[in-house]
């Protein structure tokens, strides 16, 4: 199963939408022109090109929730961990009903969207375990299907949630949850399915090596000597960096990490990870 987990919205941004026929739709059209409290139009009738510099940028720079965005980046890995735990528990419950054992494994890569937020592309594999030799994998029970796994991924992604520790800027903490765009698709071994195994492998490889330039990642860590240069409130990236430095002044380690990882807009996880049994380790591969 191949699935993408995205960040929620922290304010409307310019986007490039394509129809099923490949045509580029208008960004954010509205029948009636409306404005935010800062006097900015909250609609866009343009059809953006792929290299349009406005993609991923807020329609109103002053309405966008930069604090919540960088806090989400900082906690996205923990949200992933909790999601996988819940998914495994739900699968174990289904397997127990049929008196069998199963194992969920995965490989994922992290990618920056143009708005500077992390999202994850993951491929899941579900194996049955031989009751006599548990170290051997077999086909899962017929009642545990790929479509059932897809539905479960959607359910877990929709309900996965936790709150951060309190912060003066958010006394009750920030809610950390996934965005609405979760699209699990079955990986087929032949060309007659939605997604082939080769296509997914190519897709993961693409994003594992993709440049972070569209999001504007910085080449090195931000220090007291260069913070002023990068925390430029006139730019979108600068406002995200400013939010990292501001929120990172809190004594809790979760927030202090924002200052250490301000050059990554708060994200402090790995860009390519896998579960232990998804595949052999590099050490186990023959030379």
Protein backbone atom coordinates (compact mmCIF):
# COMPACT_ATOMS: atom_id res chain seq x y z
CA UNK A 1 0.00 0.00 0.00
CA UNK A 2 1.35 3.42 -0.97
CA UNK A 3 0.13 6.45 0.99
CA UNK A 4 0.96 10.12 1.41
CA UNK A 5 0.49 11.93 4.74
CA UNK A 6 0.34 15.72 4.53
CA UNK A 7 0.29 18.61 6.97
CA UNK A 8 -2.97 20.43 7.76
CA UNK A 9 -3.69 23.95 6.57
CA UNK A 10 -2.35 26.92 8.50
CA UNK A 11 -3.89 29.44 6.15
CA UNK A 12 -4.81 29.57 2.42
CA UNK A 13 -1.82 29.48 0.06
CA UNK A 14 -1.37 29.72 -3.68
CA UNK A 15 -1.57 26.28 -5.27
CA UNK A 16 -1.47 24.62 -8.66
CA UNK A 17 -4.43 22.34 -9.27
CA UNK A 18 -4.73 20.09 -12.32
CA UNK A 19 -7.92 18.39 -13.46
CA UNK A 20 -8.22 14.71 -14.34
CA UNK A 21 -7.72 15.72 -17.96
CA UNK A 22 -4.42 17.44 -17.21
CA UNK A 23 -5.69 21.03 -17.50
CA UNK A 24 -4.54 23.58 -14.93
CA UNK A 25 -7.43 24.99 -12.90
CA UNK A 26 -7.64 28.41 -11.32
CA UNK A 27 -5.86 28.69 -8.00
CA UNK A 28 -8.58 29.83 -5.55
CA UNK A 29 -11.47 31.29 -7.55
CA UNK A 30 -14.46 32.93 -5.84
CA UNK A 31 -17.65 34.31 -7.30
CA UNK A 32 -17.58 37.29 -4.96
CA UNK A 33 -14.42 39.17 -4.09
CA UNK A 34 -13.71 39.02 -0.36
CA UNK A 35 -10.95 40.42 1.79
CA UNK A 36 -9.35 39.40 5.08
CA UNK A 37 -9.01 41.66 8.11
CA UNK A 38 -5.68 42.92 6.73
CA UNK A 39 -7.26 44.08 3.49
CA UNK A 40 -5.83 41.28 1.33
CA UNK A 41 -7.91 39.45 -1.25
CA UNK A 42 -8.48 35.85 -0.18
CA UNK A 43 -9.04 34.57 -3.69
CA UNK A 44 -6.84 33.96 -6.73
CA UNK A 45 -8.04 33.39 -10.26
CA UNK A 46 -4.66 32.65 -11.80
CA UNK A 47 -3.56 29.40 -13.40
CA UNK A 48 -0.09 29.06 -11.94
CA UNK A 49 2.84 27.58 -13.83
CA UNK A 50 4.98 24.90 -12.20
CA UNK A 51 7.83 27.33 -11.58
CA UNK A 52 5.63 30.15 -10.27
CA UNK A 53 7.38 31.68 -7.25
CA UNK A 54 4.04 32.40 -5.56
CA UNK A 55 3.18 28.70 -5.16
CA UNK A 56 3.01 27.70 -1.52
CA UNK A 57 2.95 31.31 -0.35
CA UNK A 58 0.04 32.61 1.78
CA UNK A 59 -2.65 34.71 0.15
CA UNK A 60 -2.28 37.00 3.16
CA UNK A 61 1.16 36.90 4.83
CA UNK A 62 -0.25 38.39 8.03
CA UNK A 63 -3.10 35.87 8.44
CA UNK A 64 -0.92 32.77 8.13
CA UNK A 65 -0.18 30.85 11.36
CA UNK A 66 3.63 30.56 11.19
CA UNK A 67 3.95 29.44 14.81
CA UNK A 68 1.65 26.46 14.31
CA UNK A 69 3.41 25.57 11.04
CA UNK A 70 6.90 25.23 12.53
CA UNK A 71 5.57 23.49 15.65
CA UNK A 72 3.86 20.96 13.38
CA UNK A 73 7.13 20.38 11.51
CA UNK A 74 8.90 19.77 14.81
CA UNK A 75 6.31 17.21 15.96
CA UNK A 76 5.53 15.48 12.64
CA UNK A 77 7.86 12.56 13.37
CA UNK A 78 6.10 11.91 16.68
CA UNK A 79 2.75 12.03 14.90
CA UNK A 80 4.05 9.44 12.43
CA UNK A 81 5.24 7.20 15.29
CA UNK A 82 1.86 7.32 17.00
CA UNK A 83 0.05 6.69 13.73
CA UNK A 84 2.06 3.54 13.03
CA UNK A 85 1.53 2.26 16.59
CA UNK A 86 -2.24 2.74 16.29
CA UNK A 87 -2.31 1.15 12.85
CA UNK A 88 -0.47 -1.93 14.12
CA UNK A 89 -2.78 -2.27 17.10
CA UNK A 90 -5.88 -2.09 14.90
CA UNK A 91 -4.43 -4.70 12.54
CA UNK A 92 -3.53 -7.00 15.43
CA UNK A 93 -7.12 -6.78 16.65
CA UNK A 94 -8.42 -7.85 13.24
CA UNK A 95 -5.91 -10.67 12.99
CA UNK A 96 -6.82 -11.94 16.46
CA UNK A 97 -10.44 -12.34 15.37
CA UNK A 98 -9.27 -14.84 12.73
CA UNK A 99 -6.75 -16.52 14.99
CA UNK A 100 -3.71 -15.48 12.97
CA UNK A 101 -0.72 -13.18 13.34
CA UNK A 102 0.39 -10.48 10.93
CA UNK A 103 3.20 -7.97 10.68
CA UNK A 104 3.10 -4.47 9.24
CA UNK A 105 6.34 -3.00 7.91
CA UNK A 106 7.05 0.18 5.99
CA UNK A 107 9.55 2.42 4.25
CA UNK A 108 8.99 6.17 4.03
CA UNK A 109 10.62 9.34 2.78
CA UNK A 110 10.00 12.90 3.93
CA UNK A 111 9.59 15.76 1.48
CA UNK A 112 9.14 19.51 1.87
CA UNK A 113 6.12 21.00 0.22
CA UNK A 114 6.44 24.44 -1.36
CA UNK A 115 4.84 25.95 1.74
CA UNK A 116 7.80 24.69 3.78
CA UNK A 117 5.91 21.90 5.55
CA UNK A 118 6.95 18.28 5.70
CA UNK A 119 4.84 15.45 4.37
CA UNK A 120 5.58 11.74 4.18
CA UNK A 121 5.39 9.26 1.31
CA UNK A 122 5.20 5.71 2.69
CA UNK A 123 4.90 2.22 1.31
CA UNK A 124 3.37 -0.34 3.69
CA UNK A 125 3.66 -4.12 3.44
CA UNK A 126 1.46 -6.54 5.34
CA UNK A 127 2.72 -10.09 5.89
CA UNK A 128 1.19 -13.08 7.61
CA UNK A 129 3.36 -15.04 10.06
CA UNK A 130 3.74 -18.80 9.88
CA UNK A 131 2.20 -20.23 13.10
CA UNK A 132 4.84 -22.99 13.26
CA UNK A 133 7.82 -20.84 12.29
CA UNK A 134 6.99 -17.21 13.27
CA UNK A 135 10.16 -15.92 11.62
CA UNK A 136 8.75 -16.96 8.23
CA UNK A 137 6.23 -14.83 6.40
CA UNK A 138 3.20 -16.12 4.51
CA UNK A 139 0.20 -14.62 2.76
CA UNK A 140 -2.11 -12.80 5.22
CA UNK A 141 -5.49 -14.29 6.05
CA UNK A 142 -7.92 -13.88 3.09
CA UNK A 143 -10.21 -11.72 5.24
CA UNK A 144 -7.42 -9.16 5.73
CA UNK A 145 -7.37 -7.49 2.33
CA UNK A 146 -5.49 -4.61 0.73
CA UNK A 147 -8.70 -2.60 0.50
CA UNK A 148 -9.29 -3.20 4.19
CA UNK A 149 -5.78 -1.94 4.95
CA UNK A 150 -6.46 1.17 2.85
CA UNK A 151 -9.64 1.91 4.81
CA UNK A 152 -7.81 1.42 8.08
CA UNK A 153 -5.04 3.82 7.03
CA UNK A 154 -7.67 6.46 6.24
CA UNK A 155 -9.40 5.94 9.59
CA UNK A 156 -6.21 6.09 11.64
CA UNK A 157 -4.89 9.13 9.76
CA UNK A 158 -8.19 10.95 10.32
CA UNK A 159 -8.16 10.35 14.09
CA UNK A 160 -4.43 10.47 14.94
CA UNK A 161 -3.92 13.44 17.22
CA UNK A 162 -2.05 14.74 20.24
CA UNK A 163 -1.43 18.11 21.87
CA UNK A 164 1.98 19.62 22.52
CA UNK A 165 3.07 20.78 25.95
CA UNK A 166 1.76 24.25 26.90
CA UNK A 167 3.53 27.35 25.61
CA UNK A 168 2.94 31.03 26.47
CA UNK A 169 1.90 31.58 22.85
CA UNK A 170 -0.53 28.64 23.10
CA UNK A 171 -1.44 27.88 26.74
CA UNK A 172 -3.31 24.68 25.85
CA UNK A 173 -0.66 23.52 23.40
CA UNK A 174 -0.92 23.07 19.66
CA UNK A 175 -3.01 20.29 18.13
CA UNK A 176 -0.86 17.99 16.00
CA UNK A 177 -2.80 16.06 13.38
CA UNK A 178 -2.62 15.11 9.69
CA UNK A 179 -4.11 17.07 6.85
CA UNK A 180 -7.17 15.83 4.99
CA UNK A 181 -5.24 14.62 1.94
CA UNK A 182 -4.42 10.99 2.69
CA UNK A 183 -4.60 8.84 -0.42
CA UNK A 184 -3.67 5.17 0.17
CA UNK A 185 -3.40 3.18 -3.04
CA UNK A 186 -2.78 -0.51 -3.61
CA UNK A 187 0.58 -1.42 -5.10
CA UNK A 188 0.09 -3.98 -7.85
CA UNK A 189 2.76 -6.33 -9.17
CA UNK A 190 1.38 -6.07 -12.68
CA UNK A 191 0.56 -3.16 -14.98
CA UNK A 192 -3.22 -3.46 -14.64
CA UNK A 193 -3.47 -1.89 -11.17
CA UNK A 194 -3.54 1.66 -9.89
CA UNK A 195 0.13 1.82 -9.01
CA UNK A 196 2.86 -0.66 -9.96
CA UNK A 197 5.72 -1.70 -7.71
CA UNK A 198 8.23 -0.13 -10.11
CA UNK A 199 6.35 3.16 -10.14
CA UNK A 200 6.34 3.35 -6.36
CA UNK A 201 10.03 2.46 -6.10
CA UNK A 202 10.83 5.21 -8.60
CA UNK A 203 8.61 7.66 -6.75
CA UNK A 204 10.27 7.00 -3.39
CA UNK A 205 13.73 7.25 -4.95
CA UNK A 206 12.77 10.56 -6.54
CA UNK A 207 11.70 12.13 -3.26
CA UNK A 208 14.56 10.60 -1.28
CA UNK A 209 16.97 12.61 -3.45
CA UNK A 210 14.77 15.59 -4.29
CA UNK A 211 16.20 19.05 -3.75
CA UNK A 212 14.71 21.22 -1.01
CA UNK A 213 15.16 24.39 -3.04
CA UNK A 214 11.41 24.97 -3.71
CA UNK A 215 10.86 25.24 0.05
CA UNK A 216 13.89 27.48 0.48
CA UNK A 217 15.91 25.40 2.92
CA UNK A 218 19.02 27.04 4.30
CA UNK A 219 22.47 25.52 3.73
CA UNK A 220 23.61 25.63 7.37
CA UNK A 221 22.51 26.11 10.95
CA UNK A 222 21.29 29.47 12.17
CA UNK A 223 23.39 31.02 14.91
CA UNK A 224 23.31 34.23 16.91
CA UNK A 225 25.66 35.74 14.32
CA UNK A 226 23.50 35.11 11.23
CA UNK A 227 19.99 34.96 12.73
CA UNK A 228 19.19 38.54 11.82
CA UNK A 229 20.00 37.92 8.18
CA UNK A 230 17.73 34.87 7.87
CA UNK A 231 14.85 35.96 10.13
CA UNK A 232 13.60 38.48 7.58
CA UNK A 233 9.92 39.13 8.20
CA UNK A 234 9.53 40.49 4.68
CA UNK A 235 9.82 36.95 3.26
CA UNK A 236 7.78 33.80 3.85
CA UNK A 237 10.87 31.79 4.74
CA UNK A 238 12.07 34.53 7.05
CA UNK A 239 8.78 34.51 8.95
CA UNK A 240 9.02 30.74 9.46
CA UNK A 241 12.58 31.12 10.74
CA UNK A 242 11.44 33.94 13.03
CA UNK A 243 8.71 31.68 14.42
CA UNK A 244 11.30 28.95 15.12
CA UNK A 245 13.51 31.37 17.02
CA UNK A 246 10.61 32.89 18.91
CA UNK A 247 8.89 29.64 19.96
CA UNK A 248 12.28 28.06 20.64
CA UNK A 249 12.91 30.44 23.51
CA UNK A 250 10.77 28.22 25.76
CA UNK A 251 12.73 26.04 28.25
CA UNK A 252 11.01 22.77 27.26
CA UNK A 253 13.26 20.59 25.10
CA UNK A 254 10.55 20.11 22.46
CA UNK A 255 10.51 23.84 21.82
CA UNK A 256 14.23 24.48 22.32
CA UNK A 257 14.84 22.12 19.40
CA UNK A 258 13.14 24.66 17.13
CA UNK A 259 16.13 26.97 17.46
CA UNK A 260 18.60 24.20 16.69
CA UNK A 261 16.60 23.21 13.61
CA UNK A 262 15.46 26.65 12.46
CA UNK A 263 17.42 26.17 9.22
CA UNK A 264 15.10 23.18 8.53
CA UNK A 265 12.02 25.22 9.47
CA UNK A 266 11.63 23.15 12.63
CA UNK A 267 11.78 19.64 11.14
CA UNK A 268 14.24 17.46 13.03
CA UNK A 269 13.53 13.96 11.68
CA UNK A 270 15.21 11.71 9.14
CA UNK A 271 14.39 12.00 5.46
CA UNK A 272 14.41 8.24 4.77
CA UNK A 273 13.41 5.61 7.32
CA UNK A 274 12.05 2.08 7.40
CA UNK A 275 10.83 -0.44 9.92
CA UNK A 276 13.39 -3.03 10.98
CA UNK A 277 11.88 -5.91 9.03
CA UNK A 278 10.79 -4.07 5.89
CA UNK A 279 13.98 -5.09 4.07
CA UNK A 280 17.54 -6.24 4.81
CA UNK A 281 19.85 -3.66 6.31
CA UNK A 282 22.85 -2.37 4.38
CA UNK A 283 25.08 -4.55 6.56
CA UNK A 284 23.10 -7.65 5.60
CA UNK A 285 23.33 -6.98 1.85
CA UNK A 286 26.04 -8.98 0.05
CA UNK A 287 28.99 -6.86 -1.03
